[in-house]
Amino acid sequence: MESAKEIKDRMKSIQDTMKITSAMYMISSSKLKKAKKSLQDTEPYFYMLQSTMSRILRHLPEMHSPYFTEKEEYFTGKEESRKQTKAFIVVTADKGMAGAYNHNVMKLAHEQLRKEESTRLYVLGELGRHYFEQQGISIDREFHYTVQNPSLGRARKIAENILEDYLNHEVDEVYMIYTKMINSMQTEAQIEQLLPLKRADFNNFNSMRLPLNIPMEELALKPSPEAVMDRIVPEYLVGFIYGALVESYSSEQNSRLMAMEAATDSASKILHELDVRYNRARQAAITQEITEVIGGARAQKKKKK
């Protein structure tokens, strides 16, 4: 049986751990609120970009753009016979202690990489970088210090690198693997296609379909519809990447918040059990001391007699 001192030492160790988990819970809660507000402040602008792209495509359904077409149309000569290359942007965390957050993302990314013959890997987050290096998977690009502080500037930098590889025919399709926050209790790792864009997604952007007999407004696109689309699409991709980064960051903080809450609750239960054991051990020690005193007194009485 453990001594009262051993139990007391364990209780102190658990109490110190509870202080850490409680502090991490409060920090994650604060960061989660801040991330949500940042996303809400920028969402209207990017929704307007998406609405504008939907209007342009509705008026000019036959417009050609490298962002909306299959890349084979732009290949010439020897490029026609090369393998299709898919790029994956994988968003993980820089830190652990966030439940299954990192595991779910890396598992989904690993499954996708195993399916494809020709891939390029873009990694955000230190844990993801360490994981793929340990697995012997080469990383084509790394983006440091991005996941802990998602910003439009960093999202724009990622979008520029992706668009450069895409327009130079180094990659044919671009996917983003990140964690979406479904609600305050549930997050889910998912994969979304960034490039090429799908016209159907923008055709169905408006929840209400326009009746056939209603005339559509005229659009003046200068210097040309293609030039306007070339300016809008990169900004739309920046918005999508930024939204995914904030979603991942929010999911990470939410997962860590829940993990720290569960750890604190478990520590409280263990403390309660140890408190009971400590009281029993102390009571047993006191009882033993009383018994020894009584036994000693009796022995002294017998000796005197």
Foldseek 3Di string as FASTA:
>chain_A
DDFLVVLVVVLVVLVVVLVVLVVLLVVLVVVLVVLVVVLVVCVVVLLVLLLVVLLLCVVPVPDDAQLADQCCVVDDDPLNPDDAEEEEEQEDAQDDLQPCFRVQRLVVVVVVVVVDDHYAYEYEYPVSVVVCVVVVHDHDYYDYPPLQDPDLVSLLVVLVVVVVCCVVVVHRWYKYWAWADPDLVDIHTDIDTLGSDHSVCSNPSDVDDDDPPDDDDDDDDPPDSRVVCVVSSSVSSSSVSSVRSSRRSSSSSSSSSVSSVVSSVVSVVVSVVSVVVSVVSVVVVVVVVVVVVVVVVVVVVVVVD
